[in-house]
Protein backbone atom coordinates (compact mmCIF):
# COMPACT_ATOMS: atom_id res chain seq x y z
CA MET A 1 0.00 0.00 0.00
CA ALA A 2 2.80 2.39 0.91
CA SER A 3 4.63 1.65 -2.36
CA LEU A 4 1.44 2.31 -4.34
CA LEU A 5 0.99 5.66 -2.59
CA GLU A 6 4.58 6.53 -3.39
CA LYS A 7 3.97 5.76 -7.07
CA ILE A 8 0.82 7.86 -7.41
CA ARG A 9 2.03 10.71 -5.19
CA PRO A 10 2.81 13.77 -7.37
CA GLN A 11 6.29 15.26 -7.31
CA PHE A 12 5.15 18.51 -5.73
CA TRP A 13 3.44 16.84 -2.75
CA ASP A 14 6.42 16.92 -0.40
CA THR A 15 7.30 20.54 -1.18
CA ASP A 16 6.35 23.26 1.26
CA SER A 17 4.53 26.50 0.54
CA ASP A 18 7.17 28.50 2.43
CA ALA A 19 10.09 27.16 0.41
CA GLY A 20 12.05 30.28 -0.28
CA ALA A 21 11.10 33.49 -2.02
CA GLY A 22 7.83 33.87 -3.87
CA LYS A 23 5.60 31.92 -1.49
CA SER A 24 2.43 32.25 -3.57
CA LEU A 25 4.32 31.11 -6.65
CA PHE A 26 5.68 27.95 -5.01
CA ASN A 27 2.65 26.98 -2.90
CA TYR A 28 1.79 24.01 -5.09
CA ARG A 29 -0.49 22.31 -2.60
CA ARG A 30 -2.59 25.44 -2.26
CA ILE A 31 -2.76 25.83 -6.04
CA TRP A 32 -3.73 22.13 -6.31
CA ARG A 33 -6.43 22.45 -3.64
CA PHE A 34 -7.77 25.69 -5.13
CA ALA A 35 -7.91 24.16 -8.62
CA ILE A 36 -9.76 21.09 -7.34
CA ILE A 37 -12.23 23.12 -5.25
CA LEU A 38 -12.92 25.53 -8.11
CA LEU A 39 -13.39 22.76 -10.68
CA VAL A 40 -15.55 20.75 -8.26
CA LEU A 41 -17.79 23.75 -7.63
CA VAL A 42 -18.05 24.56 -11.34
CA ALA A 43 -18.75 20.94 -12.31
CA LEU A 44 -20.78 19.56 -9.41
CA ILE A 45 -23.03 22.47 -8.47
CA PRO A 46 -24.81 22.55 -11.88
CA LEU A 47 -24.99 18.74 -11.86
CA MET A 48 -26.54 18.66 -8.37
CA VAL A 49 -28.90 21.53 -9.20
CA MET A 50 -30.07 19.71 -12.32
CA ALA A 51 -30.46 16.46 -10.37
CA PHE A 52 -32.46 18.31 -7.70
CA ILE A 53 -34.66 19.98 -10.31
CA ASP A 54 -35.15 16.70 -12.17
CA TYR A 55 -36.09 14.90 -8.96
CA ASN A 56 -38.59 17.60 -7.98
CA VAL A 57 -40.11 17.73 -11.46
CA THR A 58 -40.46 13.95 -11.42
CA ARG A 59 -41.97 14.02 -7.93
CA HIS A 60 -44.45 16.75 -8.86
CA SER A 61 -45.35 14.89 -12.06
CA LEU A 62 -45.91 11.65 -10.16
CA GLU A 63 -47.96 13.43 -7.49
CA SER A 64 -50.05 15.13 -10.18
CA GLU A 65 -50.52 11.84 -11.99
CA ASN A 66 -51.60 10.12 -8.76
CA LEU A 67 -54.03 12.90 -7.93
CA LEU A 68 -55.45 12.87 -11.46
CA ARG A 69 -55.75 9.08 -11.47
CA THR A 70 -57.42 9.11 -8.06
CA ALA A 71 -59.80 11.84 -9.17
CA ARG A 72 -60.66 9.91 -12.35
CA THR A 73 -61.20 6.68 -10.42
CA THR A 74 -63.39 8.49 -7.88
CA SER A 75 -65.46 10.15 -10.60
CA ASN A 76 -65.94 6.88 -12.46
CA THR A 77 -66.95 5.12 -9.24
CA ARG A 78 -69.40 7.90 -8.39
CA ARG A 79 -70.96 7.57 -11.84
CA SER A 80 -71.25 3.79 -11.43
CA VAL A 81 -72.92 4.10 -8.04
CA ALA A 82 -75.17 6.93 -9.21
CA TYR A 83 -76.13 4.91 -12.30
CA PHE A 84 -76.94 1.89 -10.15
CA LEU A 85 -79.29 3.90 -7.91
CA ASP A 86 -80.75 5.96 -10.74
CA GLU A 87 -81.44 2.80 -12.74
CA ARG A 88 -83.54 1.34 -9.95
CA THR A 89 -85.32 4.63 -9.30
CA LYS A 90 -86.18 4.91 -13.01
CA ALA A 91 -87.40 1.32 -12.96
CA LEU A 92 -89.94 2.22 -10.28
CA GLU A 93 -90.97 5.28 -12.27
CA PHE A 94 -91.41 3.14 -15.36
CA LEU A 95 -93.60 0.67 -13.46
CA VAL A 96 -95.90 3.48 -12.35
CA HIS A 97 -96.34 4.75 -15.89
CA ASP A 98 -96.59 1.30 -17.38
CA GLN A 99 -98.78 -0.49 -14.80
CA GLY A 100 -100.62 2.33 -13.14
CA ILE A 101 -101.26 2.54 -9.42
CA ALA A 102 -104.46 0.45 -9.58
CA ALA A 103 -102.58 -2.53 -11.04
CA LEU A 104 -99.75 -2.16 -8.57
CA ARG A 105 -102.16 -2.25 -5.64
CA ASN A 106 -103.07 -5.78 -6.73
CA ASN A 107 -100.83 -8.24 -4.87
CA GLY A 108 -100.94 -10.80 -7.61
CA ASN A 109 -99.80 -8.33 -10.21
CA LEU A 110 -97.29 -6.82 -7.74
CA ALA A 111 -95.74 -10.29 -7.27
CA LYS A 112 -95.21 -10.54 -11.05
CA VAL A 113 -93.62 -7.08 -11.03
CA LEU A 114 -91.18 -8.08 -8.24
CA ALA A 115 -90.25 -11.28 -10.05
CA SER A 116 -89.60 -9.29 -13.23
CA LEU A 117 -87.43 -6.77 -11.34
CA GLN A 118 -85.43 -9.51 -9.67
CA GLN A 119 -84.89 -11.21 -13.01
CA SER A 120 -83.99 -8.00 -14.86
CA PHE A 121 -81.94 -6.10 -12.29
CA GLY A 122 -81.40 -8.37 -9.32
CA GLY A 123 -81.05 -7.15 -5.76
CA PHE A 124 -84.76 -6.33 -5.20
CA VAL A 125 -85.88 -7.90 -1.91
CA ASP A 126 -89.49 -6.71 -1.70
CA ILE A 127 -91.84 -4.07 -3.09
CA GLY A 128 -94.89 -2.32 -1.66
CA VAL A 129 -97.39 0.49 -2.13
CA ILE A 130 -97.96 3.08 0.64
CA ASP A 131 -100.90 5.46 0.70
CA ASP A 132 -100.71 9.14 1.55
CA ARG A 133 -101.31 8.41 5.24
CA GLY A 134 -98.15 6.28 5.44
CA ARG A 135 -99.86 2.86 5.61
CA GLN A 136 -98.60 0.08 3.35
CA ILE A 137 -101.64 -1.11 1.40
CA ALA A 138 -99.88 -3.61 -0.87
CA TYR A 139 -96.75 -5.65 -0.25
CA ILE A 140 -94.84 -8.56 -1.79
CA GLY A 141 -91.75 -9.86 -0.03
CA PRO A 142 -90.35 -12.27 2.53
CA TYR A 143 -91.63 -10.28 5.51
CA ASP A 144 -95.13 -9.57 6.87
CA LEU A 145 -95.23 -5.84 6.26
CA LEU A 146 -98.74 -5.40 4.88
CA GLY A 147 -100.52 -2.64 6.77
CA ARG A 148 -97.26 -1.35 8.35
CA ASP A 149 -97.30 2.36 9.15
CA TYR A 150 -94.37 4.39 7.70
CA SER A 151 -95.76 7.83 8.37
CA GLY A 152 -93.27 8.54 11.10
CA GLN A 153 -90.19 7.59 9.05
CA GLU A 154 -87.87 10.04 7.26
CA GLY A 155 -88.30 8.26 3.96
CA PHE A 156 -92.09 8.82 3.85
CA ALA A 157 -91.86 12.58 4.46
CA THR A 158 -88.94 13.04 2.05
CA THR A 159 -90.65 11.08 -0.73
CA MET A 160 -93.89 13.00 -0.31
CA ALA A 161 -91.98 16.29 -0.36
CA HIS A 162 -89.45 15.61 -3.18
CA GLY A 163 -90.96 12.72 -5.11
CA THR A 164 -87.94 10.43 -4.79
CA TYR A 165 -86.06 8.98 -1.85
CA ILE A 166 -82.95 6.85 -1.51
CA SER A 167 -82.14 5.80 2.03
CA ARG A 168 -78.86 5.14 3.79
CA VAL A 169 -77.80 1.57 4.32
CA PHE A 170 -79.31 0.38 7.59
CA LEU A 171 -80.19 -2.82 9.45
CA GLY A 172 -83.76 -2.16 10.60
CA PHE A 173 -85.84 -5.00 12.02
CA ARG A 174 -84.48 -7.26 9.28
CA ASP A 175 -81.03 -7.12 10.99
CA GLU A 176 -79.33 -7.18 7.57
CA PRO A 177 -77.80 -4.27 5.67
CA HIS A 178 -80.23 -2.94 3.07
CA LEU A 179 -81.40 0.30 1.53
CA VAL A 180 -84.74 1.63 0.35
CA VAL A 181 -85.69 3.28 -2.94
CA SER A 182 -89.12 4.94 -3.18
CA ARG A 183 -91.06 6.95 -5.75
CA LYS A 184 -94.17 9.09 -5.31
CA VAL A 185 -96.96 8.47 -7.80
CA ARG A 186 -100.43 10.00 -8.24
CA ASP A 187 -103.55 8.12 -9.15
CA SER A 188 -104.99 9.92 -12.14
CA ARG A 189 -108.51 8.77 -11.33
CA SER A 190 -108.76 9.66 -7.67
CA GLY A 191 -106.02 12.28 -7.52
CA GLU A 192 -104.55 10.63 -4.44
CA ASP A 193 -100.77 10.30 -3.89
CA TYR A 194 -99.10 6.95 -3.32
CA ILE A 195 -95.53 5.79 -2.77
CA LEU A 196 -94.00 2.83 -4.59
CA ARG A 197 -91.35 1.53 -2.18
CA ALA A 198 -88.71 -1.15 -2.88
CA THR A 199 -86.03 -2.68 -0.68
CA LEU A 200 -82.62 -3.52 -2.18
CA ASP A 201 -79.98 -5.79 -0.74
CA THR A 202 -76.38 -4.42 -0.74
CA ASP A 203 -74.60 -7.25 -2.55
CA GLN A 204 -74.77 -5.64 -5.99
CA PHE A 205 -74.22 -2.23 -4.43
CA ASN A 206 -71.05 -3.48 -2.74
CA SER A 207 -69.82 -5.32 -5.85
CA ILE A 208 -69.53 -2.04 -7.73
CA LEU A 209 -66.74 -1.03 -5.33
CA THR A 210 -65.11 -4.38 -4.61
CA GLN A 211 -64.49 -5.00 -8.33
CA LEU A 212 -62.28 -1.94 -8.60
CA ASP A 213 -58.58 -2.64 -9.10
CA LEU A 214 -56.82 0.07 -7.11
CA PRO A 215 -52.99 0.37 -6.94
CA GLY A 216 -51.13 1.35 -3.81
CA GLY A 217 -53.28 -0.70 -1.42
CA GLY A 218 -56.33 1.30 -2.44
CA ASP A 219 -59.69 1.08 -0.75
CA ALA A 220 -62.98 2.24 -2.30
CA PHE A 221 -66.18 2.44 -0.25
CA VAL A 222 -69.24 4.60 0.35
CA VAL A 223 -70.09 6.63 3.43
CA ASP A 224 -73.09 8.77 4.20
CA ARG A 225 -72.85 12.46 4.89
CA ASP A 226 -72.36 11.81 8.57
CA GLY A 227 -69.29 9.69 7.83
CA VAL A 228 -70.95 6.30 8.55
CA ILE A 229 -69.55 3.54 6.37
CA GLN A 230 -72.18 2.17 3.96
CA THR A 231 -70.17 -0.50 2.13
CA PRO A 232 -67.36 -2.72 3.41
CA SER A 233 -63.95 -1.04 3.85
CA LYS A 234 -60.65 -2.89 4.01
CA GLU A 235 -58.99 -0.87 6.74
CA HIS A 236 -60.94 2.27 7.59
CA GLY A 237 -63.69 0.87 9.78
CA SER A 238 -66.45 -1.68 9.96
CA LEU A 239 -69.78 -1.45 8.19
CA LEU A 240 -72.14 1.14 9.72
CA THR A 241 -69.39 2.65 11.90
CA ARG A 242 -67.80 6.05 11.52
CA VAL A 243 -64.91 6.26 9.13
CA ASP A 244 -61.48 7.22 10.53
CA LEU A 245 -61.00 9.99 7.97
CA ALA A 246 -62.30 13.54 7.97
CA ILE A 247 -65.18 14.20 5.54
CA PRO A 248 -64.90 17.49 3.63
CA GLY A 249 -67.81 19.84 2.97
CA TYR A 250 -70.20 19.38 0.06
CA SER A 251 -68.82 19.92 -3.44
CA ASP A 252 -70.44 19.46 -6.85
CA THR A 253 -67.12 18.22 -8.26
CA THR A 254 -64.74 15.45 -7.31
CA ARG A 255 -62.05 16.48 -4.84
CA VAL A 256 -58.72 14.82 -4.04
CA GLU A 257 -56.82 15.63 -0.87
CA GLN A 258 -53.83 14.27 0.97
CA VAL A 259 -54.80 13.69 4.60
CA ARG A 260 -53.27 11.99 7.59
CA GLY A 261 -55.33 9.29 9.24
CA ARG A 262 -55.70 8.60 12.91
CA ASP A 263 -52.96 5.97 12.60
CA GLY A 264 -50.53 8.66 11.42
CA VAL A 265 -50.36 7.30 7.86
CA GLU A 266 -50.69 9.77 5.00
CA TYR A 267 -53.46 8.93 2.50
CA THR A 268 -54.48 10.28 -0.88
CA VAL A 269 -58.30 10.46 -0.69
CA GLY A 270 -60.78 11.11 -3.48
CA TYR A 271 -64.24 12.42 -2.46
CA ALA A 272 -67.33 12.55 -4.67
CA TYR A 273 -70.83 13.44 -3.46
CA ILE A 274 -73.64 11.58 -5.28
CA HIS A 275 -76.42 14.06 -6.09
CA ASP A 276 -79.85 13.52 -4.51
CA THR A 277 -78.49 10.72 -2.31
CA PRO A 278 -76.93 10.59 1.17
CA PHE A 279 -73.87 8.85 -0.24
CA ILE A 280 -70.27 9.97 -0.66
CA VAL A 281 -67.83 7.81 -2.64
CA LEU A 282 -64.35 7.59 -1.07
CA VAL A 283 -61.32 6.22 -2.90
CA VAL A 284 -58.46 5.96 -0.40
CA LYS A 285 -54.84 5.10 -1.31
CA ARG A 286 -51.68 5.06 0.75
CA THR A 287 -49.58 7.98 -0.46
CA ARG A 288 -46.33 6.18 0.32
CA GLU A 289 -47.27 3.20 -1.84
CA LEU A 290 -48.42 5.49 -4.64
CA MET A 291 -45.03 7.17 -4.51
CA MET A 292 -43.08 3.90 -4.62
CA PRO A 293 -42.05 4.50 -8.27
CA LEU A 294 -40.44 7.69 -7.03
CA GLN A 295 -38.24 5.63 -4.73
CA THR A 296 -37.01 3.62 -7.71
CA ILE A 297 -36.46 6.79 -9.70
CA ARG A 298 -34.69 8.39 -6.75
CA MET A 299 -32.36 5.40 -6.31
CA GLU A 300 -31.55 5.37 -10.04
CA LEU A 301 -30.98 9.11 -10.00
CA LEU A 302 -28.86 8.79 -6.87
CA TRP A 303 -26.68 6.08 -8.43
CA ILE A 304 -26.28 8.13 -11.61
CA LEU A 305 -25.43 11.19 -9.50
CA ILE A 306 -22.92 9.29 -7.33
CA THR A 307 -21.29 7.66 -10.36
CA SER A 308 -21.09 11.02 -12.15
CA ILE A 309 -19.63 12.71 -9.06
CA VAL A 310 -17.01 9.97 -8.61
CA VAL A 311 -16.01 10.12 -12.29
CA ILE A 312 -15.91 13.92 -12.24
CA LEU A 313 -13.84 13.96 -9.03
CA LEU A 314 -11.38 11.43 -10.43
CA VAL A 315 -11.02 13.43 -13.64
CA ILE A 316 -10.71 16.72 -11.76
CA VAL A 317 -8.12 15.37 -9.32
CA GLY A 318 -6.20 13.72 -12.15
CA VAL A 319 -6.23 16.82 -14.37
CA ALA A 320 -5.44 19.20 -11.48
CA THR A 321 -2.60 16.96 -10.31
CA TYR A 322 -1.20 16.67 -13.83
CA LEU A 323 -1.34 20.41 -14.49
CA VAL A 324 0.06 21.44 -11.09
CA ASN A 325 2.77 18.81 -11.47
CA LYS A 326 3.66 20.35 -14.83
CA VAL A 327 3.78 23.80 -13.22
CA TYR A 328 5.97 22.37 -10.44
CA ILE A 329 8.36 20.76 -12.93
CA ALA A 330 8.51 24.00 -14.94
CA ASP A 331 9.19 26.03 -11.78
CA GLN A 332 11.85 23.58 -10.65
CA THR A 333 13.48 23.73 -14.07
CA ARG A 334 13.42 27.51 -13.93
CA ALA A 335 14.79 27.51 -10.37
CA ARG A 336 17.59 25.15 -11.36
CA THR A 337 18.35 27.34 -14.35
CA LEU A 338 18.41 30.45 -12.17
CA HIS A 339 20.68 28.96 -9.55
CA ARG A 340 22.94 27.50 -12.23
CA MET A 341 23.17 30.97 -13.74
CA GLU A 342 23.97 32.44 -10.35
CA HIS A 343 26.41 29.63 -9.71
CA THR A 344 28.06 30.25 -13.09
CA ASN A 345 28.20 33.99 -12.44
CA ARG A 346 29.75 33.39 -9.04
CA MET A 347 32.31 31.03 -10.50
CA ALA A 348 33.06 33.50 -13.29
CA SER A 349 33.52 36.24 -10.72
CA ILE A 350 35.79 34.00 -8.66
CA GLY A 351 37.71 33.11 -11.82
CA ARG A 352 38.19 36.77 -12.72
CA LEU A 353 39.16 37.54 -9.14
CA ALA A 354 41.58 34.62 -9.08
CA ALA A 355 43.09 35.69 -12.39
CA GLY A 356 43.49 39.23 -11.06
CA VAL A 357 45.02 37.96 -7.82
CA ALA A 358 47.37 35.70 -9.77
CA HIS A 359 48.37 38.57 -12.04
CA GLU A 360 48.68 41.18 -9.33
CA ILE A 361 50.31 39.00 -6.66
CA ASN A 362 52.29 36.39 -8.55
CA ASN A 363 54.38 38.99 -10.41
CA PRO A 364 55.50 40.81 -7.24
CA LEU A 365 56.05 37.46 -5.58
CA ALA A 366 58.24 36.36 -8.47
CA ILE A 367 60.31 39.54 -8.16
CA ILE A 368 60.58 39.08 -4.38
CA ASN A 369 61.57 35.45 -4.88
CA GLU A 370 64.17 36.39 -7.48
CA LYS A 371 65.66 39.24 -5.45
CA ALA A 372 65.66 37.15 -2.27
CA GLY A 373 67.49 34.36 -4.16
CA LEU A 374 70.04 36.83 -5.54
CA ILE A 375 70.66 38.29 -2.07
CA ARG A 376 71.17 34.77 -0.69
CA ASP A 377 73.63 33.94 -3.46
CA LEU A 378 75.56 37.19 -2.83
CA PHE A 379 75.69 36.48 0.89
CA VAL A 380 76.84 32.93 0.32
CA TYR A 381 79.79 34.04 -1.88
CA LYS A 382 81.00 36.65 0.64
CA GLN A 383 82.90 35.10 3.45
CA GLU A 384 81.71 37.53 6.10
CA TYR A 385 78.06 36.50 5.48
CA ALA A 386 78.48 32.90 4.29
CA ASN A 387 78.56 31.54 7.83
CA ASP A 388 75.81 33.85 9.22
CA GLU A 389 73.10 31.30 9.75
CA ARG A 390 70.68 33.83 11.17
CA LEU A 391 70.89 36.04 8.11
CA LEU A 392 70.64 33.12 5.69
CA GLY A 393 67.74 31.70 7.72
CA ASN A 394 65.78 34.96 7.39
CA ILE A 395 66.37 34.95 3.64
CA ASP A 396 65.19 31.31 3.44
CA SER A 397 62.12 32.29 5.44
CA ILE A 398 61.31 34.99 2.86
CA ILE A 399 61.74 32.51 -0.01
CA ASN A 400 59.54 29.91 1.78
CA SER A 401 56.83 32.52 2.42
CA VAL A 402 56.86 33.51 -1.24
CA THR A 403 56.54 29.84 -2.19
CA ARG A 404 53.64 29.44 0.24
CA CYS A 405 51.87 32.50 -1.22
CA GLY A 406 52.25 30.99 -4.68
CA LYS A 407 50.63 27.79 -3.53
CA ILE A 408 47.72 29.75 -2.07
CA THR A 409 47.08 31.58 -5.33
CA LYS A 410 47.26 28.33 -7.24
CA ARG A 411 44.75 26.79 -4.83
CA LEU A 412 42.44 29.76 -5.34
CA LEU A 413 42.64 29.26 -9.09
CA SER A 414 41.92 25.58 -8.59
CA PHE A 415 38.60 26.43 -6.90
CA ALA A 416 37.54 28.55 -9.86
CA ARG A 417 38.15 25.85 -12.48
CA HIS A 418 35.17 23.51 -11.98
CA ILE A 419 32.40 24.69 -14.34
CA ASP A 420 32.96 21.71 -16.62
CA VAL A 421 33.42 18.23 -15.18
CA GLU A 422 37.12 17.36 -15.30
CA MET A 423 37.88 13.94 -13.85
CA ASP A 424 41.12 13.49 -11.92
CA GLU A 425 42.46 10.93 -9.51
CA ILE A 426 41.96 12.36 -6.04
CA GLU A 427 43.34 11.53 -2.61
CA PHE A 428 40.53 12.54 -0.32
CA LYS A 429 42.75 13.32 2.65
CA ASP A 430 44.83 15.76 0.56
CA LEU A 431 41.68 17.42 -0.76
CA ALA A 432 40.25 17.76 2.77
CA ASN A 433 43.51 19.32 4.03
CA GLU A 434 43.48 21.82 1.15
CA VAL A 435 39.98 22.95 2.03
CA ILE A 436 40.61 23.12 5.77
CA ASP A 437 43.74 25.22 5.15
CA PHE A 438 41.49 27.95 3.77
CA LEU A 439 39.48 28.04 6.96
CA ARG A 440 42.08 27.21 9.55
CA LYS A 441 42.71 30.86 10.48
CA GLU A 442 38.98 31.45 11.05
CA ALA A 443 38.83 28.29 13.16
CA GLU A 444 41.75 29.47 15.27
CA TYR A 445 40.23 32.94 15.63
CA ARG A 446 36.87 31.48 16.78
CA SER A 447 38.44 28.68 18.85
CA ILE A 448 36.69 26.02 16.76
CA THR A 449 38.20 22.56 17.12
CA ILE A 450 38.48 20.54 13.89
CA ASP A 451 38.91 16.76 14.17
CA MET A 452 39.67 14.80 11.00
CA ASP A 453 39.37 11.01 10.98
CA ILE A 454 40.51 10.05 7.47
CA PRO A 455 42.47 6.77 7.07
CA GLU A 456 45.83 6.97 5.31
CA LYS A 457 45.08 3.84 3.30
CA LEU A 458 41.87 5.30 1.85
CA PRO A 459 42.08 4.47 -1.88
CA PRO A 460 42.17 7.28 -4.46
CA PHE A 461 39.08 7.75 -6.58
CA ILE A 462 38.13 9.41 -9.84
CA SER A 463 36.10 12.63 -9.61
CA ASP A 464 36.16 16.34 -10.39
CA ARG A 465 38.52 18.03 -7.93
CA GLY A 466 37.10 21.53 -8.24
CA LYS A 467 33.48 20.46 -7.72
CA LEU A 468 34.43 18.19 -4.83
CA GLN A 469 36.38 21.06 -3.24
CA GLN A 470 33.34 23.32 -3.52
CA ILE A 471 31.08 20.64 -2.00
CA PHE A 472 33.43 20.19 0.94
CA LEU A 473 34.00 23.93 1.39
CA ASN A 474 30.22 24.69 1.36
CA LEU A 475 29.55 22.06 4.04
CA VAL A 476 32.38 23.29 6.28
CA ASN A 477 31.31 26.93 5.80
CA ASN A 478 27.70 26.03 6.76
CA ALA A 479 29.00 24.22 9.84
CA PHE A 480 31.06 27.28 10.87
CA GLN A 481 28.01 29.54 10.47
CA ALA A 482 25.86 27.18 12.56
CA MET A 483 28.36 26.96 15.46
CA ASN A 484 29.15 29.44 18.17
CA ASP A 485 32.75 30.29 19.09
CA GLY A 486 34.43 27.34 20.74
CA GLY A 487 32.45 24.79 18.70
CA HIS A 488 33.58 21.40 17.51
CA LEU A 489 33.71 20.14 13.89
CA SER A 490 34.28 16.49 13.04
CA ILE A 491 35.21 15.22 9.56
CA THR A 492 35.31 11.49 8.90
CA ALA A 493 35.74 9.32 5.81
CA ARG A 494 35.64 5.59 5.15
CA GLU A 495 35.39 3.10 2.34
CA THR A 496 32.35 0.79 2.06
CA ALA A 497 32.13 -2.73 0.70
CA CYS A 498 30.26 -1.38 -2.34
CA ASP A 499 33.24 0.59 -3.72
CA GLN A 500 31.91 3.83 -2.32
CA LEU A 501 33.47 6.63 -0.30
CA VAL A 502 31.40 7.92 2.61
CA PHE A 503 32.47 11.13 4.31
CA THR A 504 30.62 13.11 6.96
CA VAL A 505 30.80 16.68 8.22
CA GLU A 506 29.38 16.91 11.75
CA ASP A 507 29.01 20.04 13.87
CA ASP A 508 27.57 20.80 17.30
CA GLY A 509 25.79 23.97 16.16
CA CYS A 510 22.19 25.15 16.48
CA GLY A 511 20.70 22.36 14.35
CA ILE A 512 17.87 22.45 11.80
CA PRO A 513 14.17 22.29 12.79
CA GLU A 514 12.43 19.11 11.67
CA ALA A 515 9.94 21.12 9.60
CA ASP A 516 12.83 22.57 7.53
CA ILE A 517 14.74 19.33 6.93
CA LYS A 518 12.84 18.51 3.71
CA ARG A 519 13.31 22.05 2.37
CA ILE A 520 16.98 22.76 2.89
CA PHE A 521 17.95 21.50 -0.58
CA ASP A 522 15.25 23.58 -2.33
CA PRO A 523 16.46 26.59 -4.34
CA PHE A 524 16.16 29.92 -2.50
CA PHE A 525 15.27 28.35 0.83
CA SER A 526 17.45 29.60 3.67
CA THR A 527 17.29 29.60 7.44
CA LYS A 528 19.67 32.60 7.42
CA LYS A 529 17.58 35.15 5.49
CA LYS A 530 18.13 37.79 8.18
CA THR A 531 21.92 37.31 8.05
CA GLY A 532 22.22 37.50 4.28
CA GLY A 533 21.70 33.88 3.19
CA THR A 534 20.66 33.39 -0.45
CA GLY A 535 19.26 29.90 -0.14
CA LEU A 536 21.50 28.57 -2.90
CA GLY A 537 24.47 27.08 -1.00
CA LEU A 538 23.03 23.68 -0.12
CA SER A 539 20.96 23.63 -3.32
CA ILE A 540 24.13 24.03 -5.40
CA THR A 541 25.98 21.53 -3.21
CA TYR A 542 23.19 18.99 -3.67
CA GLY A 543 23.26 19.54 -7.44
CA LEU A 544 27.05 19.10 -7.57
CA VAL A 545 26.84 15.84 -5.60
CA GLN A 546 24.28 14.52 -8.08
CA GLU A 547 26.40 15.62 -11.04
CA LEU A 548 29.29 13.58 -9.64
CA GLY A 549 27.06 10.50 -9.30
CA GLY A 550 26.77 10.65 -5.51
CA SER A 551 24.04 11.08 -2.92
CA MET A 552 23.63 13.40 0.05
CA ALA A 553 21.71 13.03 3.33
CA VAL A 554 21.28 15.10 6.48
CA GLU A 555 20.47 14.39 10.10
CA SER A 556 19.89 17.20 12.55
CA GLU A 557 18.49 17.96 15.98
CA VAL A 558 17.81 21.45 17.25
CA GLY A 559 20.31 22.42 19.93
CA THR A 560 22.48 19.34 19.33
CA GLY A 561 23.97 19.71 15.87
CA THR A 562 23.86 18.59 12.25
CA THR A 563 25.51 15.80 10.29
CA PHE A 564 25.83 15.84 6.49
CA THR A 565 26.69 12.51 4.85
CA ILE A 566 28.05 12.32 1.29
CA ILE A 567 28.36 9.03 -0.59
CA MET A 568 30.57 9.14 -3.71
CA PRO A 569 31.52 6.32 -6.08
CA LEU A 570 35.18 5.31 -5.89
CA LYS A 571 35.24 4.30 -9.52
CA GLY A 572 34.63 6.95 -12.14
CA THR A 573 35.17 7.46 -15.83
CA LYS A 574 38.10 9.53 -17.01
CA PRO A 575 37.65 11.99 -19.87
CA GLU A 576 39.80 9.90 -22.21
CA ASP A 577 37.62 6.86 -21.49
CA LYS A 578 34.53 8.82 -22.62
CA THR A 579 36.33 9.77 -25.82
CA ASP A 580 37.20 6.15 -26.53
CA LYS A 581 33.58 5.07 -26.04
CA ALA A 582 32.34 7.84 -28.25
């Protein structure tokens, strides 16, 4: 897992936003995060808005469709129930006009009429004729109702007043649910009013509603205007009990409402009043079950949305990472170019300075050396001075000092000649002594102790002397700057079993904070900005080590000190070998 993360981790990930000058320019993580956030907002907000709008449009469409379907079902059921009742009322009216009241008062003829009604329509239980005083004067049916007085019942008064009456479903003395249909008629001969009254069972009445195929656990039944259930209901109450739903006020048109029942369940309810009857048709459906298709649509939309978001995020992260990585590589290339230019300019300046020093100092030194040699020769040939060891010793001291100055100028020139890689055979101990000689006076002045643990038998190796000198000098200079007066510097070198030379430069200075360890090799990063640091010393040193085929590591602890470790190959390729291979 760790190796996979290392492979997919972009190059800029381990860089820090405070790495040197131009913080906003080099804050790659912030640029990466900003690019991802901006692209995510631009891409996902419209997608989520469209998904939200689509879901709401679909929900509203489904709700409207359910309401319209419920309203249509309710209206059709109301028409079926109204047609059923109207058909039987019209049948009574037809009998009056066809038979006449005198024929209907005859029980024998009335029995034939009942048989015909039962055969034609079904559901007729009995039939009778009531006079204007409310007494039943003719009756055919299974009960002994001849002579029964109906004057005190609601149906008698309503029929006499309005001409037609349809009762609620009730039990009565029969103890079975039934309803009554009656029609007022007038005898044309006597001018007296009569009522033709028929009793209907509720089987056919109920079948109108039970045959309906209602989705969503629907329930269709009839209640009266007081909310008493007139036909069987699946789950909203028993027959002839009050329904558990609120009944709205009268309306000529079908109404559909979403209401919450006493059980806390939300229902979609269609209401339709049947004109000139006490009945209200109710079509009740569970709203949740009606909206089940929305759940499927929502899940499909959610999966599409999640898949789209994942794909978009992967693309955005990939593109943002790729682009920021390209910016990082371009910036690193530019930084390397800049510090190479500065490095080249510094080397050119050192070269010009060295040439000037060599020209300005070597010529006077040559004259001094020549004149001092001539004086020594003259003194040697004169007997009075030939045996003056003190005088000759002073002259030898002058000549030795001139020779030493010449070596110093040559060493200075040697440091300037390393722009191109020039491979030489190098004794590391000699190279280390040359570098330390440059800084020995400063070490003495600051009381810095320098310990060198370099074996005499360390084998020579092939490398570029000038670049290696600069590497070593930069590390020792950094150590001096990190230490207080009286510090201690340790330089060690050893050969490994892998034909490599490992040398370390260890100081007991202030150390490097852990947060800065990863940044010290970045161009323009410096912990000494306030004291004039450019942030290029260790960056150039790191680049030189890589050019020579080596590697460089650092260990540091604040308040304890810092150790730089350089690993260089002992075997290199000489310039003439490269020419042969070419």
